[in-house]
Amino acid sequence: MAVEAGAAAVVAAAAAPAGAVTAAAASAAGAAAAAAAAPVAAGAGLAVATFYVGKYFYKRFTWNNEAKEKEFKSQFVAHVTKKKQLIVGSASANCSKQVEQ
């Protein structure tokens, strides 16, 4: 089909005066380009979808109790670290106020 559309564009371009492009030739050439690009885009979309489906199933099957515990511990450590920094900051501010007095 893309070959037929391309051939129609060549015939239409040959029949037109030099330098003039007909609407039929332009639309046939555009259709040929779109038809040629469609399989590449569909293949790329399929590859991306396959990648994300595989990633989903990997995460789904490796998300066991051990992984949950490890994730909880890392979140807890991050939380405690932030709280500790807040306490240290306020304690040092209190200490500097007492030194000034």
C-alpha atoms as a PDB file:
ATOM      1  CA  MET A   1       0.000   0.000   0.000  1.00  0.00           C
ATOM      2  CA  ALA A   2       2.837   2.395   0.828  1.00  0.00           C
ATOM      3  CA  VAL A   3       4.498   1.517  -2.486  1.00  0.00           C
ATOM      4  CA  GLU A   4       1.286   2.257  -4.391  1.00  0.00           C
ATOM      5  CA  ALA A   5       0.900   5.623  -2.621  1.00  0.00           C
ATOM      6  CA  GLY A   6       4.530   6.475  -3.339  1.00  0.00           C
ATOM      7  CA  ALA A   7       4.122   5.509  -6.987  1.00  0.00           C
ATOM      8  CA  ALA A   8       1.001   7.671  -7.229  1.00  0.00           C
ATOM      9  CA  ALA A   9       2.978  10.605  -5.826  1.00  0.00           C
ATOM     10  CA  VAL A  10       5.733  10.100  -8.418  1.00  0.00           C
ATOM     11  CA  VAL A  11       3.230   9.922 -11.270  1.00  0.00           C
ATOM     12  CA  ALA A  12       1.400  13.030 -10.026  1.00  0.00           C
ATOM     13  CA  ALA A  13       4.681  14.934  -9.615  1.00  0.00           C
ATOM     14  CA  ALA A  14       5.819  13.940 -13.119  1.00  0.00           C
ATOM     15  CA  ALA A  15       2.537  15.086 -14.667  1.00  0.00           C
ATOM     16  CA  ALA A  16       2.675  18.515 -12.971  1.00  0.00           C
ATOM     17  CA  PRO A  17       4.657  21.434 -14.407  1.00  0.00           C
ATOM     18  CA  ALA A  18       8.197  21.893 -13.096  1.00  0.00           C
ATOM     19  CA  GLY A  19       8.246  23.419  -9.617  1.00  0.00           C
ATOM     20  CA  ALA A  20       4.511  22.900  -8.980  1.00  0.00           C
ATOM     21  CA  VAL A  21       3.296  20.377  -6.428  1.00  0.00           C
ATOM     22  CA  THR A  22      -0.291  19.226  -6.627  1.00  0.00           C
ATOM     23  CA  ALA A  23      -2.444  18.551  -3.589  1.00  0.00           C
ATOM     24  CA  ALA A  24      -2.829  14.926  -4.655  1.00  0.00           C
ATOM     25  CA  ALA A  25       0.936  14.452  -4.830  1.00  0.00           C
ATOM     26  CA  ALA A  26       1.445  16.062  -1.438  1.00  0.00           C
ATOM     27  CA  SER A  27      -1.279  13.997   0.223  1.00  0.00           C
ATOM     28  CA  ALA A  28      -0.046  10.781  -1.407  1.00  0.00           C
ATOM     29  CA  ALA A  29       3.512  11.465  -0.281  1.00  0.00           C
ATOM     30  CA  GLY A  30       2.281  12.256   3.246  1.00  0.00           C
ATOM     31  CA  ALA A  31       0.242   9.067   3.333  1.00  0.00           C
ATOM     32  CA  ALA A  32       3.237   7.036   2.184  1.00  0.00           C
ATOM     33  CA  ALA A  33       5.446   8.573   4.850  1.00  0.00           C
ATOM     34  CA  ALA A  34       2.826   7.990   7.549  1.00  0.00           C
ATOM     35  CA  ALA A  35       2.313   4.385   6.453  1.00  0.00           C
ATOM     36  CA  ALA A  36       6.048   3.750   6.477  1.00  0.00           C
ATOM     37  CA  ALA A  37       6.489   5.298   9.949  1.00  0.00           C
ATOM     38  CA  ALA A  38       3.505   3.543  11.546  1.00  0.00           C
ATOM     39  CA  PRO A  39       5.123   0.099  11.982  1.00  0.00           C
ATOM     40  CA  VAL A  40       8.214   1.654  13.564  1.00  0.00           C
ATOM     41  CA  ALA A  41       6.122   3.633  16.052  1.00  0.00           C
ATOM     42  CA  ALA A  42       3.986   0.595  16.882  1.00  0.00           C
ATOM     43  CA  GLY A  43       7.087  -1.526  17.442  1.00  0.00           C
ATOM     44  CA  ALA A  44       8.628   1.097  19.701  1.00  0.00           C
ATOM     45  CA  GLY A  45       5.402   1.379  21.700  1.00  0.00           C
ATOM     46  CA  LEU A  46       5.267  -2.372  22.078  1.00  0.00           C
ATOM     47  CA  ALA A  47       8.849  -2.467  23.338  1.00  0.00           C
ATOM     48  CA  VAL A  48       8.163   0.237  25.906  1.00  0.00           C
ATOM     49  CA  ALA A  49       4.976  -1.484  27.064  1.00  0.00           C
ATOM     50  CA  THR A  50       6.802  -4.809  27.354  1.00  0.00           C
ATOM     51  CA  PHE A  51       9.536  -3.157  29.428  1.00  0.00           C
ATOM     52  CA  TYR A  52       7.074  -1.629  31.903  1.00  0.00           C
ATOM     53  CA  VAL A  53       5.008  -4.809  32.183  1.00  0.00           C
ATOM     54  CA  GLY A  54       8.164  -6.762  32.943  1.00  0.00           C
ATOM     55  CA  LYS A  55       9.229  -4.177  35.504  1.00  0.00           C
ATOM     56  CA  TYR A  56       5.787  -4.337  37.150  1.00  0.00           C
ATOM     57  CA  PHE A  57       5.868  -8.121  37.483  1.00  0.00           C
ATOM     58  CA  TYR A  58       9.441  -8.060  38.805  1.00  0.00           C
ATOM     59  CA  LYS A  59       8.441  -5.576  41.525  1.00  0.00           C
ATOM     60  CA  ARG A  60       5.222  -7.472  42.229  1.00  0.00           C
ATOM     61  CA  PHE A  61       6.932 -10.809  42.781  1.00  0.00           C
ATOM     62  CA  THR A  62       9.904  -9.443  44.764  1.00  0.00           C
ATOM     63  CA  TRP A  63       7.743  -7.386  47.133  1.00  0.00           C
ATOM     64  CA  ASN A  64       7.743  -9.900  49.986  1.00  0.00           C
ATOM     65  CA  ASN A  65       7.887  -9.371  53.763  1.00  0.00           C
ATOM     66  CA  GLU A  66      11.663  -9.046  53.763  1.00  0.00           C
ATOM     67  CA  ALA A  67      11.531  -6.271  51.164  1.00  0.00           C
ATOM     68  CA  LYS A  68       8.741  -4.523  53.068  1.00  0.00           C
ATOM     69  CA  GLU A  69      10.791  -4.666  56.273  1.00  0.00           C
ATOM     70  CA  LYS A  70      13.860  -3.289  54.535  1.00  0.00           C
ATOM     71  CA  GLU A  71      11.836  -0.419  53.035  1.00  0.00           C
ATOM     72  CA  PHE A  72      10.257   0.369  56.416  1.00  0.00           C
ATOM     73  CA  LYS A  73      13.666   0.480  58.095  1.00  0.00           C
ATOM     74  CA  SER A  74      15.083   2.857  55.503  1.00  0.00           C
ATOM     75  CA  GLN A  75      12.033   5.135  55.846  1.00  0.00           C
ATOM     76  CA  PHE A  76      12.347   5.039  59.639  1.00  0.00           C
ATOM     77  CA  VAL A  77      16.045   5.939  59.516  1.00  0.00           C
ATOM     78  CA  ALA A  78      15.302   8.895  57.227  1.00  0.00           C
ATOM     79  CA  HIS A  79      12.528  10.077  59.570  1.00  0.00           C
ATOM     80  CA  VAL A  80      14.681   9.782  62.720  1.00  0.00           C
ATOM     81  CA  THR A  81      17.559  11.597  61.004  1.00  0.00           C
ATOM     82  CA  LYS A  82      15.324  14.569  60.144  1.00  0.00           C
ATOM     83  CA  LYS A  83      13.926  14.712  63.672  1.00  0.00           C
ATOM     84  CA  LYS A  84      17.420  14.519  65.170  1.00  0.00           C
ATOM     85  CA  GLN A  85      18.575  17.428  63.016  1.00  0.00           C
ATOM     86  CA  LEU A  86      15.591  19.504  64.206  1.00  0.00           C
ATOM     87  CA  ILE A  87      16.386  18.742  67.854  1.00  0.00           C
ATOM     88  CA  VAL A  88      20.079  19.529  67.430  1.00  0.00           C
ATOM     89  CA  GLY A  89      19.223  22.811  65.734  1.00  0.00           C
ATOM     90  CA  SER A  90      16.865  23.944  68.479  1.00  0.00           C
ATOM     91  CA  ALA A  91      19.256  22.796  71.233  1.00  0.00           C
ATOM     92  CA  SER A  92      22.141  24.749  69.724  1.00  0.00           C
ATOM     93  CA  ALA A  93      19.919  27.818  69.377  1.00  0.00           C
ATOM     94  CA  ASN A  94      18.968  27.541  73.088  1.00  0.00           C
ATOM     95  CA  CYS A  95      22.592  27.095  74.049  1.00  0.00           C
ATOM     96  CA  SER A  96      23.699  30.181  72.112  1.00  0.00           C
ATOM     97  CA  LYS A  97      20.908  32.238  73.754  1.00  0.00           C
ATOM     98  CA  GLN A  98      22.079  31.135  77.191  1.00  0.00           C
ATOM     99  CA  VAL A  99      25.682  32.048  76.357  1.00  0.00           C
ATOM    100  CA  GLU A 100      24.592  35.540  75.262  1.00  0.00           C
ATOM    101  CA  GLN A 101      22.776  36.114  78.560  1.00  0.00           C
END
